[in-house]
Amino acid sequence: MDESEYRRFLDTLKLLGVKHEINWGPTKEKWQKVILDAGYNITALACVVVSVEKIDFLFCTGKADWRKGSEEGFGPGGVFLLSRDSRTGKVQNRVRYNRMSNELFKEVGVRALRAQYSF
């Protein structure tokens, strides 16, 4: 995950001096339903959570798009999947936006990931 979204996120937090906590093994009980509801076909054990105050940012440690019957995942490793407010439980899925105009595209979650990385 050298130049992954995960690595860039951590580097940005460190550069800005933002306190954060890394949870390498998010518990299945806390995250598995959230991950499946977002459309990802992976286990919570394949993820890492970075907590900044009351917001948890979930990243996949491997390839995030595992399709049923596939022996390996698709796409880049270390991508951002979603965030969750730890106080309210509200989930914000990954979105895709136009970097030139900052307008949001209609894809969210796994569809946004697939569209951005074309797999």
PDB file of N, CA and C in Angstrom:
ATOM      1  N   MET A   1       0.814  -1.192   0.000  1.00  0.00           N
ATOM      2  CA  MET A   1       0.000   0.000   0.000  1.00  0.00           C
ATOM      3  C   MET A   1       0.862   1.262   0.000  1.00  0.00           C
ATOM      4  N   ASP A   2       1.906   1.293  -0.769  1.00  0.00           N
ATOM      5  CA  ASP A   2       2.838   2.413  -0.732  1.00  0.00           C
ATOM      6  C   ASP A   2       2.190   3.750  -1.058  1.00  0.00           C
ATOM      7  N   GLU A   3       1.620   3.905  -2.223  1.00  0.00           N
ATOM      8  CA  GLU A   3       0.997   5.164  -2.621  1.00  0.00           C
ATOM      9  C   GLU A   3      -0.516   5.037  -2.629  1.00  0.00           C
ATOM     10  N   SER A   4      -1.025   4.273  -1.724  1.00  0.00           N
ATOM     11  CA  SER A   4      -2.461   4.059  -1.645  1.00  0.00           C
ATOM     12  C   SER A   4      -3.155   5.274  -1.032  1.00  0.00           C
ATOM     13  N   GLU A   5      -4.482   5.286  -1.147  1.00  0.00           N
ATOM     14  CA  GLU A   5      -5.258   6.335  -0.503  1.00  0.00           C
ATOM     15  C   GLU A   5      -5.029   6.298   1.005  1.00  0.00           C
ATOM     16  N   TYR A   6      -4.896   5.119   1.549  1.00  0.00           N
ATOM     17  CA  TYR A   6      -4.626   4.947   2.978  1.00  0.00           C
ATOM     18  C   TYR A   6      -3.324   5.642   3.372  1.00  0.00           C
ATOM     19  N   ARG A   7      -2.268   5.390   2.641  1.00  0.00           N
ATOM     20  CA  ARG A   7      -0.962   5.981   2.937  1.00  0.00           C
ATOM     21  C   ARG A   7      -1.019   7.505   2.788  1.00  0.00           C
ATOM     22  N   ARG A   8      -1.668   7.998   1.729  1.00  0.00           N
ATOM     23  CA  ARG A   8      -1.773   9.452   1.535  1.00  0.00           C
ATOM     24  C   ARG A   8      -2.583  10.102   2.662  1.00  0.00           C
ATOM     25  N   PHE A   9      -3.632   9.420   3.118  1.00  0.00           N
ATOM     26  CA  PHE A   9      -4.450   9.930   4.216  1.00  0.00           C
ATOM     27  C   PHE A   9      -3.614  10.048   5.493  1.00  0.00           C
ATOM     28  N   LEU A  10      -2.881   8.985   5.820  1.00  0.00           N
ATOM     29  CA  LEU A  10      -2.018   9.019   7.010  1.00  0.00           C
ATOM     30  C   LEU A  10      -0.952  10.097   6.898  1.00  0.00           C
ATOM     31  N   ASP A  11      -0.337  10.203   5.728  1.00  0.00           N
ATOM     32  CA  ASP A  11       0.694  11.226   5.535  1.00  0.00           C
ATOM     33  C   ASP A  11       0.119  12.628   5.730  1.00  0.00           C
ATOM     34  N   THR A  12      -1.102  12.864   5.248  1.00  0.00           N
ATOM     35  CA  THR A  12      -1.747  14.166   5.390  1.00  0.00           C
ATOM     36  C   THR A  12      -2.047  14.460   6.854  1.00  0.00           C
ATOM     37  N   LEU A  13      -2.562  13.464   7.582  1.00  0.00           N
ATOM     38  CA  LEU A  13      -2.835  13.657   9.003  1.00  0.00           C
ATOM     39  C   LEU A  13      -1.556  13.995   9.764  1.00  0.00           C
ATOM     40  N   LYS A  14      -0.479  13.280   9.465  1.00  0.00           N
ATOM     41  CA  LYS A  14       0.800  13.532  10.133  1.00  0.00           C
ATOM     42  C   LYS A  14       1.336  14.917   9.801  1.00  0.00           C
ATOM     43  N   LEU A  15       1.260  15.294   8.525  1.00  0.00           N
ATOM     44  CA  LEU A  15       1.739  16.599   8.082  1.00  0.00           C
ATOM     45  C   LEU A  15       0.995  17.731   8.786  1.00  0.00           C
ATOM     46  N   LEU A  16      -0.310  17.557   8.977  1.00  0.00           N
ATOM     47  CA  LEU A  16      -1.127  18.574   9.614  1.00  0.00           C
ATOM     48  C   LEU A  16      -1.109  18.485  11.144  1.00  0.00           C
ATOM     49  N   GLY A  17      -0.499  17.440  11.668  1.00  0.00           N
ATOM     50  CA  GLY A  17      -0.432  17.272  13.114  1.00  0.00           C
ATOM     51  C   GLY A  17      -1.749  16.857  13.748  1.00  0.00           C
ATOM     52  N   VAL A  18      -2.595  16.179  12.980  1.00  0.00           N
ATOM     53  CA  VAL A  18      -3.898  15.740  13.476  1.00  0.00           C
ATOM     54  C   VAL A  18      -3.734  14.432  14.239  1.00  0.00           C
ATOM     55  N   LYS A  19      -4.222  14.412  15.476  1.00  0.00           N
ATOM     56  CA  LYS A  19      -4.153  13.196  16.280  1.00  0.00           C
ATOM     57  C   LYS A  19      -5.116  12.169  15.707  1.00  0.00           C
ATOM     58  N   HIS A  20      -4.636  10.932  15.637  1.00  0.00           N
ATOM     59  CA  HIS A  20      -5.461   9.857  15.110  1.00  0.00           C
ATOM     60  C   HIS A  20      -5.053   8.538  15.748  1.00  0.00           C
ATOM     61  N   GLU A  21      -5.909   7.566  15.595  1.00  0.00           N
ATOM     62  CA  GLU A  21      -5.657   6.242  16.138  1.00  0.00           C
ATOM     63  C   GLU A  21      -5.920   5.223  15.033  1.00  0.00           C
ATOM     64  N   ILE A  22      -5.060   4.207  14.944  1.00  0.00           N
ATOM     65  CA  ILE A  22      -5.209   3.178  13.922  1.00  0.00           C
ATOM     66  C   ILE A  22      -5.650   1.876  14.573  1.00  0.00           C
ATOM     67  N   ASN A  23      -6.689   1.289  14.028  1.00  0.00           N
ATOM     68  CA  ASN A  23      -7.199   0.012  14.506  1.00  0.00           C
ATOM     69  C   ASN A  23      -7.012  -0.990  13.368  1.00  0.00           C
ATOM     70  N   TRP A  24      -6.004  -1.845  13.481  1.00  0.00           N
ATOM     71  CA  TRP A  24      -5.686  -2.795  12.412  1.00  0.00           C
ATOM     72  C   TRP A  24      -6.662  -3.948  12.315  1.00  0.00           C
ATOM     73  N   GLY A  25      -7.441  -4.167  13.339  1.00  0.00           N
ATOM     74  CA  GLY A  25      -8.363  -5.298  13.299  1.00  0.00           C
ATOM     75  C   GLY A  25      -9.756  -4.904  13.729  1.00  0.00           C
ATOM     76  N   PRO A  26     -10.454  -4.110  12.886  1.00  0.00           N
ATOM     77  CA  PRO A  26     -11.799  -3.707  13.284  1.00  0.00           C
ATOM     78  C   PRO A  26     -12.652  -4.945  13.559  1.00  0.00           C
ATOM     79  N   THR A  27     -13.364  -4.906  14.647  1.00  0.00           N
ATOM     80  CA  THR A  27     -14.122  -6.090  15.028  1.00  0.00           C
ATOM     81  C   THR A  27     -15.238  -6.368  14.040  1.00  0.00           C
ATOM     82  N   LYS A  28     -15.404  -7.626  13.766  1.00  0.00           N
ATOM     83  CA  LYS A  28     -16.420  -8.039  12.808  1.00  0.00           C
ATOM     84  C   LYS A  28     -17.797  -7.564  13.262  1.00  0.00           C
ATOM     85  N   GLU A  29     -18.057  -7.638  14.554  1.00  0.00           N
ATOM     86  CA  GLU A  29     -19.358  -7.253  15.063  1.00  0.00           C
ATOM     87  C   GLU A  29     -19.677  -5.785  14.771  1.00  0.00           C
ATOM     88  N   LYS A  30     -18.679  -4.924  14.861  1.00  0.00           N
ATOM     89  CA  LYS A  30     -18.907  -3.493  14.662  1.00  0.00           C
ATOM     90  C   LYS A  30     -18.978  -3.081  13.185  1.00  0.00           C
ATOM     91  N   TRP A  31     -18.302  -3.811  12.322  1.00  0.00           N
ATOM     92  CA  TRP A  31     -18.132  -3.335  10.957  1.00  0.00           C
ATOM     93  C   TRP A  31     -18.712  -4.201   9.848  1.00  0.00           C
ATOM     94  N   GLN A  32     -18.870  -5.484  10.050  1.00  0.00           N
ATOM     95  CA  GLN A  32     -19.220  -6.356   8.928  1.00  0.00           C
ATOM     96  C   GLN A  32     -20.531  -5.964   8.249  1.00  0.00           C
ATOM     97  N   LYS A  33     -21.561  -5.685   8.996  1.00  0.00           N
ATOM     98  CA  LYS A  33     -22.841  -5.306   8.383  1.00  0.00           C
ATOM     99  C   LYS A  33     -22.712  -3.989   7.621  1.00  0.00           C
ATOM    100  N   VAL A  34     -21.973  -3.037   8.185  1.00  0.00           N
ATOM    101  CA  VAL A  34     -21.765  -1.745   7.524  1.00  0.00           C
ATOM    102  C   VAL A  34     -21.073  -1.955   6.177  1.00  0.00           C
ATOM    103  N   ILE A  35     -20.056  -2.803   6.148  1.00  0.00           N
ATOM    104  CA  ILE A  35     -19.296  -3.074   4.920  1.00  0.00           C
ATOM    105  C   ILE A  35     -20.191  -3.740   3.874  1.00  0.00           C
ATOM    106  N   LEU A  36     -20.944  -4.737   4.270  1.00  0.00           N
ATOM    107  CA  LEU A  36     -21.828  -5.435   3.331  1.00  0.00           C
ATOM    108  C   LEU A  36     -22.952  -4.532   2.842  1.00  0.00           C
ATOM    109  N   ASP A  37     -23.521  -3.717   3.723  1.00  0.00           N
ATOM    110  CA  ASP A  37     -24.580  -2.789   3.327  1.00  0.00           C
ATOM    111  C   ASP A  37     -24.082  -1.764   2.314  1.00  0.00           C
ATOM    112  N   ALA A  38     -22.797  -1.438   2.370  1.00  0.00           N
ATOM    113  CA  ALA A  38     -22.211  -0.486   1.423  1.00  0.00           C
ATOM    114  C   ALA A  38     -21.928  -1.128   0.064  1.00  0.00           C
ATOM    115  N   GLY A  39     -22.074  -2.451  -0.030  1.00  0.00           N
ATOM    116  CA  GLY A  39     -21.901  -3.121  -1.316  1.00  0.00           C
ATOM    117  C   GLY A  39     -20.576  -3.812  -1.522  1.00  0.00           C
ATOM    118  N   TYR A  40     -19.726  -3.801  -0.517  1.00  0.00           N
ATOM    119  CA  TYR A  40     -18.430  -4.459  -0.633  1.00  0.00           C
ATOM    120  C   TYR A  40     -18.553  -5.912  -0.222  1.00  0.00           C
ATOM    121  N   ASN A  41     -17.884  -6.789  -0.930  1.00  0.00           N
ATOM    122  CA  ASN A  41     -17.919  -8.217  -0.637  1.00  0.00           C
ATOM    123  C   ASN A  41     -16.581  -8.627  -0.026  1.00  0.00           C
ATOM    124  N   ILE A  42     -16.270  -8.044   1.149  1.00  0.00           N
ATOM    125  CA  ILE A  42     -15.030  -8.337   1.860  1.00  0.00           C
ATOM    126  C   ILE A  42     -15.360  -8.496   3.340  1.00  0.00           C
ATOM    127  N   THR A  43     -14.416  -8.990   4.091  1.00  0.00           N
ATOM    128  CA  THR A  43     -14.627  -9.107   5.540  1.00  0.00           C
ATOM    129  C   THR A  43     -13.988  -7.925   6.256  1.00  0.00           C
ATOM    130  N   ALA A  44     -14.464  -7.676   7.448  1.00  0.00           N
ATOM    131  CA  ALA A  44     -13.899  -6.594   8.259  1.00  0.00           C
ATOM    132  C   ALA A  44     -12.434  -6.854   8.570  1.00  0.00           C
ATOM    133  N   LEU A  45     -12.024  -8.123   8.578  1.00  0.00           N
ATOM    134  CA  LEU A  45     -10.631  -8.459   8.866  1.00  0.00           C
ATOM    135  C   LEU A  45      -9.683  -7.995   7.762  1.00  0.00           C
ATOM    136  N   ALA A  46     -10.229  -7.659   6.588  1.00  0.00           N
ATOM    137  CA  ALA A  46      -9.418  -7.169   5.477  1.00  0.00           C
ATOM    138  C   ALA A  46      -9.372  -5.645   5.454  1.00  0.00           C
ATOM    139  N   CYS A  47      -9.688  -5.032   6.583  1.00  0.00           N
ATOM    140  CA  CYS A  47      -9.773  -3.573   6.641  1.00  0.00           C
ATOM    141  C   CYS A  47      -8.982  -3.014   7.809  1.00  0.00           C
ATOM    142  N   VAL A  48      -8.774  -1.709   7.751  1.00  0.00           N
ATOM    143  CA  VAL A  48      -8.140  -0.967   8.838  1.00  0.00           C
ATOM    144  C   VAL A  48      -8.976   0.296   9.050  1.00  0.00           C
ATOM    145  N   VAL A  49      -9.098   0.702  10.307  1.00  0.00           N
ATOM    146  CA  VAL A  49      -9.865   1.894  10.651  1.00  0.00           C
ATOM    147  C   VAL A  49      -8.911   2.949  11.196  1.00  0.00           C
ATOM    148  N   VAL A  50      -9.049   4.169  10.683  1.00  0.00           N
ATOM    149  CA  VAL A  50      -8.309   5.309  11.211  1.00  0.00           C
ATOM    150  C   VAL A  50      -9.341   6.220  11.860  1.00  0.00           C
ATOM    151  N   SER A  51      -9.205   6.425  13.162  1.00  0.00           N
ATOM    152  CA  SER A  51     -10.148   7.258  13.910  1.00  0.00           C
ATOM    153  C   SER A  51      -9.551   8.642  14.139  1.00  0.00           C
ATOM    154  N   VAL A  52     -10.315   9.654  13.775  1.00  0.00           N
ATOM    155  CA  VAL A  52      -9.959  11.044  14.014  1.00  0.00           C
ATOM    156  C   VAL A  52     -11.118  11.638  14.809  1.00  0.00           C
ATOM    157  N   GLU A  53     -10.863  11.913  16.070  1.00  0.00           N
ATOM    158  CA  GLU A  53     -11.903  12.326  17.014  1.00  0.00           C
ATOM    159  C   GLU A  53     -13.041  11.309  16.976  1.00  0.00           C
ATOM    160  N   LYS A  54     -14.224  11.707  16.552  1.00  0.00           N
ATOM    161  CA  LYS A  54     -15.377  10.792  16.577  1.00  0.00           C
ATOM    162  C   LYS A  54     -15.715  10.214  15.200  1.00  0.00           C
ATOM    163  N   ILE A  55     -14.852  10.404  14.217  1.00  0.00           N
ATOM    164  CA  ILE A  55     -15.096   9.875  12.872  1.00  0.00           C
ATOM    165  C   ILE A  55     -14.128   8.737  12.603  1.00  0.00           C
ATOM    166  N   ASP A  56     -14.680   7.603  12.172  1.00  0.00           N
ATOM    167  CA  ASP A  56     -13.875   6.436  11.801  1.00  0.00           C
ATOM    168  C   ASP A  56     -13.831   6.335  10.284  1.00  0.00           C
ATOM    169  N   PHE A  57     -12.623   6.244   9.739  1.00  0.00           N
ATOM    170  CA  PHE A  57     -12.417   6.115   8.296  1.00  0.00           C
ATOM    171  C   PHE A  57     -11.980   4.683   8.020  1.00  0.00           C
ATOM    172  N   LEU A  58     -12.726   3.979   7.190  1.00  0.00           N
ATOM    173  CA  LEU A  58     -12.462   2.570   6.898  1.00  0.00           C
ATOM    174  C   LEU A  58     -11.742   2.439   5.563  1.00  0.00           C
ATOM    175  N   PHE A  59     -10.589   1.762   5.587  1.00  0.00           N
ATOM    176  CA  PHE A  59      -9.805   1.503   4.385  1.00  0.00           C
ATOM    177  C   PHE A  59      -9.653  -0.002   4.225  1.00  0.00           C
ATOM    178  N   CYS A  60      -9.563  -0.460   2.995  1.00  0.00           N
ATOM    179  CA  CYS A  60      -9.312  -1.874   2.721  1.00  0.00           C
ATOM    180  C   CYS A  60      -7.799  -2.072   2.670  1.00  0.00           C
ATOM    181  N   THR A  61      -7.298  -3.110   3.318  1.00  0.00           N
ATOM    182  CA  THR A  61      -5.859  -3.351   3.314  1.00  0.00           C
ATOM    183  C   THR A  61      -5.399  -4.082   2.061  1.00  0.00           C
ATOM    184  N   GLY A  62      -6.316  -4.646   1.335  1.00  0.00           N
ATOM    185  CA  GLY A  62      -6.016  -5.336   0.074  1.00  0.00           C
ATOM    186  C   GLY A  62      -6.864  -4.753  -1.031  1.00  0.00           C
ATOM    187  N   LYS A  63      -7.316  -5.609  -1.916  1.00  0.00           N
ATOM    188  CA  LYS A  63      -8.179  -5.175  -3.012  1.00  0.00           C
ATOM    189  C   LYS A  63      -9.631  -5.231  -2.551  1.00  0.00           C
ATOM    190  N   ALA A  64     -10.341  -4.124  -2.719  1.00  0.00           N
ATOM    191  CA  ALA A  64     -11.660  -3.960  -2.093  1.00  0.00           C
ATOM    192  C   ALA A  64     -12.808  -4.621  -2.836  1.00  0.00           C
ATOM    193  N   ASP A  65     -12.650  -4.962  -4.083  1.00  0.00           N
ATOM    194  CA  ASP A  65     -13.780  -5.479  -4.856  1.00  0.00           C
ATOM    195  C   ASP A  65     -13.627  -6.978  -5.073  1.00  0.00           C
ATOM    196  N   TRP A  66     -14.161  -7.747  -4.158  1.00  0.00           N
ATOM    197  CA  TRP A  66     -14.154  -9.207  -4.269  1.00  0.00           C
ATOM    198  C   TRP A  66     -15.518  -9.665  -4.732  1.00  0.00           C
ATOM    199  N   ARG A  67     -15.578 -10.233  -5.912  1.00  0.00           N
ATOM    200  CA  ARG A  67     -16.863 -10.696  -6.441  1.00  0.00           C
ATOM    201  C   ARG A  67     -17.073 -12.145  -6.068  1.00  0.00           C
ATOM    202  N   LYS A  68     -18.285 -12.505  -5.915  1.00  0.00           N
ATOM    203  CA  LYS A  68     -18.622 -13.880  -5.531  1.00  0.00           C
ATOM    204  C   LYS A  68     -18.003 -14.859  -6.528  1.00  0.00           C
ATOM    205  N   GLY A  69     -17.355 -15.895  -5.993  1.00  0.00           N
ATOM    206  CA  GLY A  69     -16.743 -16.920  -6.826  1.00  0.00           C
ATOM    207  C   GLY A  69     -15.346 -16.576  -7.316  1.00  0.00           C
ATOM    208  N   SER A  70     -14.876 -15.363  -7.023  1.00  0.00           N
ATOM    209  CA  SER A  70     -13.552 -14.945  -7.473  1.00  0.00           C
ATOM    210  C   SER A  70     -12.504 -15.358  -6.453  1.00  0.00           C
ATOM    211  N   GLU A  71     -11.328 -15.716  -6.945  1.00  0.00           N
ATOM    212  CA  GLU A  71     -10.241 -16.100  -6.050  1.00  0.00           C
ATOM    213  C   GLU A  71      -9.347 -14.930  -5.677  1.00  0.00           C
ATOM    214  N   GLU A  72      -9.503 -13.809  -6.355  1.00  0.00           N
ATOM    215  CA  GLU A  72      -8.731 -12.624  -5.988  1.00  0.00           C
ATOM    216  C   GLU A  72      -9.553 -11.374  -6.245  1.00  0.00           C
ATOM    217  N   GLY A  73      -9.170 -10.295  -5.591  1.00  0.00           N
ATOM    218  CA  GLY A  73      -9.909  -9.048  -5.706  1.00  0.00           C
ATOM    219  C   GLY A  73      -9.504  -8.242  -6.922  1.00  0.00           C
ATOM    220  N   PHE A  74     -10.237  -7.163  -7.141  1.00  0.00           N
ATOM    221  CA  PHE A  74     -10.004  -6.261  -8.259  1.00  0.00           C
ATOM    222  C   PHE A  74      -9.684  -4.878  -7.731  1.00  0.00           C
ATOM    223  N   GLY A  75      -8.960  -4.119  -8.521  1.00  0.00           N
ATOM    224  CA  GLY A  75      -8.666  -2.738  -8.176  1.00  0.00           C
ATOM    225  C   GLY A  75      -7.430  -2.587  -7.315  1.00  0.00           C
ATOM    226  N   PRO A  76      -7.127  -1.334  -6.972  1.00  0.00           N
ATOM    227  CA  PRO A  76      -5.937  -1.049  -6.168  1.00  0.00           C
ATOM    228  C   PRO A  76      -6.141  -1.413  -4.709  1.00  0.00           C
ATOM    229  N   GLY A  77      -5.064  -1.581  -3.998  1.00  0.00           N
ATOM    230  CA  GLY A  77      -5.124  -1.834  -2.564  1.00  0.00           C
ATOM    231  C   GLY A  77      -5.087  -0.541  -1.785  1.00  0.00           C
ATOM    232  N   GLY A  78      -5.531  -0.600  -0.547  1.00  0.00           N
ATOM    233  CA  GLY A  78      -5.454   0.555   0.332  1.00  0.00           C
ATOM    234  C   GLY A  78      -6.405   1.678   0.010  1.00  0.00           C
ATOM    235  N   VAL A  79      -7.591   1.357  -0.505  1.00  0.00           N
ATOM    236  CA  VAL A  79      -8.532   2.408  -0.871  1.00  0.00           C
ATOM    237  C   VAL A  79      -9.490   2.727   0.270  1.00  0.00           C
ATOM    238  N   PHE A  80      -9.972   3.946   0.270  1.00  0.00           N
ATOM    239  CA  PHE A  80     -10.962   4.406   1.231  1.00  0.00           C
ATOM    240  C   PHE A  80     -12.317   3.817   0.847  1.00  0.00           C
ATOM    241  N   LEU A  81     -13.019   3.267   1.822  1.00  0.00           N
ATOM    242  CA  LEU A  81     -14.334   2.687   1.557  1.00  0.00           C
ATOM    243  C   LEU A  81     -15.464   3.583   2.057  1.00  0.00           C
ATOM    244  N   LEU A  82     -15.384   3.977   3.328  1.00  0.00           N
ATOM    245  CA  LEU A  82     -16.466   4.763   3.918  1.00  0.00           C
ATOM    246  C   LEU A  82     -16.021   5.338   5.243  1.00  0.00           C
ATOM    247  N   SER A  83     -16.838   6.229   5.764  1.00  0.00           N
ATOM    248  CA  SER A  83     -16.578   6.757   7.106  1.00  0.00           C
ATOM    249  C   SER A  83     -17.842   6.595   7.934  1.00  0.00           C
ATOM    250  N   ARG A  84     -17.650   6.629   9.255  1.00  0.00           N
ATOM    251  CA  ARG A  84     -18.793   6.473  10.156  1.00  0.00           C
ATOM    252  C   ARG A  84     -18.585   7.352  11.384  1.00  0.00           C
ATOM    253  N   ASP A  85     -19.631   8.052  11.753  1.00  0.00           N
ATOM    254  CA  ASP A  85     -19.623   8.849  12.977  1.00  0.00           C
ATOM    255  C   ASP A  85     -19.812   7.884  14.134  1.00  0.00           C
ATOM    256  N   SER A  86     -18.849   7.784  15.018  1.00  0.00           N
ATOM    257  CA  SER A  86     -18.911   6.800  16.096  1.00  0.00           C
ATOM    258  C   SER A  86     -19.960   7.153  17.153  1.00  0.00           C
ATOM    259  N   ARG A  87     -20.403   8.404  17.197  1.00  0.00           N
ATOM    260  CA  ARG A  87     -21.448   8.795  18.146  1.00  0.00           C
ATOM    261  C   ARG A  87     -22.835   8.418  17.644  1.00  0.00           C
ATOM    262  N   THR A  88     -23.093   8.707  16.376  1.00  0.00           N
ATOM    263  CA  THR A  88     -24.443   8.505  15.831  1.00  0.00           C
ATOM    264  C   THR A  88     -24.578   7.222  15.032  1.00  0.00           C
ATOM    265  N   GLY A  89     -23.448   6.674  14.571  1.00  0.00           N
ATOM    266  CA  GLY A  89     -23.489   5.487  13.720  1.00  0.00           C
ATOM    267  C   GLY A  89     -23.773   5.806  12.267  1.00  0.00           C
ATOM    268  N   LYS A  90     -23.927   7.082  11.925  1.00  0.00           N
ATOM    269  CA  LYS A  90     -24.232   7.484  10.544  1.00  0.00           C
ATOM    270  C   LYS A  90     -23.036   7.184   9.631  1.00  0.00           C
ATOM    271  N   VAL A  91     -23.328   6.515   8.520  1.00  0.00           N
ATOM    272  CA  VAL A  91     -22.297   6.108   7.567  1.00  0.00           C
ATOM    273  C   VAL A  91     -22.308   7.037   6.361  1.00  0.00           C
ATOM    274  N   GLN A  92     -21.123   7.456   5.945  1.00  0.00           N
ATOM    275  CA  GLN A  92     -20.961   8.238   4.714  1.00  0.00           C
ATOM    276  C   GLN A  92     -20.154   7.390   3.745  1.00  0.00           C
ATOM    277  N   ASN A  93     -20.780   6.943   2.666  1.00  0.00           N
ATOM    278  CA  ASN A  93     -20.126   6.118   1.671  1.00  0.00           C
ATOM    279  C   ASN A  93     -19.111   6.919   0.873  1.00  0.00           C
ATOM    280  N   ARG A  94     -18.194   6.217   0.268  1.00  0.00           N
ATOM    281  CA  ARG A  94     -17.256   6.817  -0.678  1.00  0.00           C
ATOM    282  C   ARG A  94     -18.061   7.463  -1.793  1.00  0.00           C
ATOM    283  N   VAL A  95     -17.652   8.636  -2.217  1.00  0.00           N
ATOM    284  CA  VAL A  95     -18.294   9.314  -3.341  1.00  0.00           C
ATOM    285  C   VAL A  95     -17.246   9.594  -4.405  1.00  0.00           C
ATOM    286  N   ARG A  96     -17.725   9.917  -5.568  1.00  0.00           N
ATOM    287  CA  ARG A  96     -16.828  10.261  -6.680  1.00  0.00           C
ATOM    288  C   ARG A  96     -17.168  11.673  -7.126  1.00  0.00           C
ATOM    289  N   TYR A  97     -16.145  12.479  -7.340  1.00  0.00           N
ATOM    290  CA  TYR A  97     -16.386  13.847  -7.763  1.00  0.00           C
ATOM    291  C   TYR A  97     -15.445  14.252  -8.881  1.00  0.00           C
ATOM    292  N   ASN A  98     -15.833  15.280  -9.607  1.00  0.00           N
ATOM    293  CA  ASN A  98     -15.038  15.835 -10.684  1.00  0.00           C
ATOM    294  C   ASN A  98     -14.022  16.785 -10.059  1.00  0.00           C
ATOM    295  N   ARG A  99     -12.751  16.471 -10.172  1.00  0.00           N
ATOM    296  CA  ARG A  99     -11.709  17.290  -9.546  1.00  0.00           C
ATOM    297  C   ARG A  99     -11.618  18.694 -10.125  1.00  0.00           C
ATOM    298  N   MET A 100     -12.048  18.855 -11.367  1.00  0.00           N
ATOM    299  CA  MET A 100     -11.972  20.173 -12.005  1.00  0.00           C
ATOM    300  C   MET A 100     -13.080  21.106 -11.505  1.00  0.00           C
ATOM    301  N   SER A 101     -14.285  20.573 -11.322  1.00  0.00           N
ATOM    302  CA  SER A 101     -15.424  21.410 -10.941  1.00  0.00           C
ATOM    303  C   SER A 101     -15.928  21.156  -9.515  1.00  0.00           C
ATOM    304  N   ASN A 102     -15.398  20.115  -8.861  1.00  0.00           N
ATOM    305  CA  ASN A 102     -15.848  19.689  -7.534  1.00  0.00           C
ATOM    306  C   ASN A 102     -17.311  19.255  -7.495  1.00  0.00           C
ATOM    307  N   GLU A 103     -17.888  18.950  -8.649  1.00  0.00           N
ATOM    308  CA  GLU A 103     -19.256  18.441  -8.691  1.00  0.00           C
ATOM    309  C   GLU A 103     -19.238  16.943  -8.398  1.00  0.00           C
ATOM    310  N   LEU A 104     -20.269  16.488  -7.679  1.00  0.00           N
ATOM    311  CA  LEU A 104     -20.378  15.071  -7.361  1.00  0.00           C
ATOM    312  C   LEU A 104     -20.960  14.299  -8.537  1.00  0.00           C
ATOM    313  N   PHE A 105     -20.400  13.127  -8.791  1.00  0.00           N
ATOM    314  CA  PHE A 105     -20.995  12.209  -9.742  1.00  0.00           C
ATOM    315  C   PHE A 105     -22.049  11.403  -8.999  1.00  0.00           C
ATOM    316  N   LYS A 106     -22.852  10.653  -9.714  1.00  0.00           N
ATOM    317  CA  LYS A 106     -23.937   9.914  -9.069  1.00  0.00           C
ATOM    318  C   LYS A 106     -23.474   8.635  -8.385  1.00  0.00           C
ATOM    319  N   GLU A 107     -22.283   8.126  -8.729  1.00  0.00           N
ATOM    320  CA  GLU A 107     -21.820   6.871  -8.149  1.00  0.00           C
ATOM    321  C   GLU A 107     -21.390   7.060  -6.696  1.00  0.00           C
ATOM    322  N   VAL A 108     -21.757   6.095  -5.854  1.00  0.00           N
ATOM    323  CA  VAL A 108     -21.310   6.062  -4.470  1.00  0.00           C
ATOM    324  C   VAL A 108     -20.871   4.649  -4.143  1.00  0.00           C
ATOM    325  N   GLY A 109     -20.123   4.512  -3.049  1.00  0.00           N
ATOM    326  CA  GLY A 109     -19.714   3.190  -2.586  1.00  0.00           C
ATOM    327  C   GLY A 109     -18.853   2.444  -3.588  1.00  0.00           C
ATOM    328  N   VAL A 110     -19.152   1.161  -3.739  1.00  0.00           N
ATOM    329  CA  VAL A 110     -18.355   0.308  -4.616  1.00  0.00           C
ATOM    330  C   VAL A 110     -18.461   0.761  -6.078  1.00  0.00           C
ATOM    331  N   ARG A 111     -19.599   1.319  -6.479  1.00  0.00           N
ATOM    332  CA  ARG A 111     -19.734   1.821  -7.861  1.00  0.00           C
ATOM    333  C   ARG A 111     -18.821   3.019  -8.099  1.00  0.00           C
ATOM    334  N   ALA A 112     -18.653   3.874  -7.095  1.00  0.00           N
ATOM    335  CA  ALA A 112     -17.734   5.017  -7.220  1.00  0.00           C
ATOM    336  C   ALA A 112     -16.302   4.528  -7.334  1.00  0.00           C
ATOM    337  N   LEU A 113     -15.961   3.514  -6.561  1.00  0.00           N
ATOM    338  CA  LEU A 113     -14.628   2.930  -6.607  1.00  0.00           C
ATOM    339  C   LEU A 113     -14.344   2.342  -7.987  1.00  0.00           C
ATOM    340  N   ARG A 114     -15.286   1.559  -8.498  1.00  0.00           N
ATOM    341  CA  ARG A 114     -15.109   0.949  -9.815  1.00  0.00           C
ATOM    342  C   ARG A 114     -14.989   2.001 -10.916  1.00  0.00           C
ATOM    343  N   ALA A 115     -15.805   3.045 -10.845  1.00  0.00           N
ATOM    344  CA  ALA A 115     -15.759   4.089 -11.864  1.00  0.00           C
ATOM    345  C   ALA A 115     -14.455   4.868 -11.810  1.00  0.00           C
ATOM    346  N   GLN A 116     -13.988   5.168 -10.612  1.00  0.00           N
ATOM    347  CA  GLN A 116     -12.761   5.947 -10.480  1.00  0.00           C
ATOM    348  C   GLN A 116     -11.545   5.195 -10.977  1.00  0.00           C
ATOM    349  N   TYR A 117     -11.479   3.891 -10.686  1.00  0.00           N
ATOM    350  CA  TYR A 117     -10.299   3.115 -11.044  1.00  0.00           C
ATOM    351  C   TYR A 117     -10.519   2.226 -12.264  1.00  0.00           C
ATOM    352  N   SER A 118     -11.661   2.299 -12.877  1.00  0.00           N
ATOM    353  CA  SER A 118     -11.975   1.598 -14.128  1.00  0.00           C
ATOM    354  C   SER A 118     -11.644   0.105 -14.079  1.00  0.00           C
ATOM    355  N   PHE A 119     -12.307  -0.628 -13.223  1.00  0.00           N
ATOM    356  CA  PHE A 119     -12.152  -2.067 -13.198  1.00  0.00           C
ATOM    357  C   PHE A 119     -13.502  -2.708 -13.106  1.00  0.00           C
TER     358      PHE A 119
END
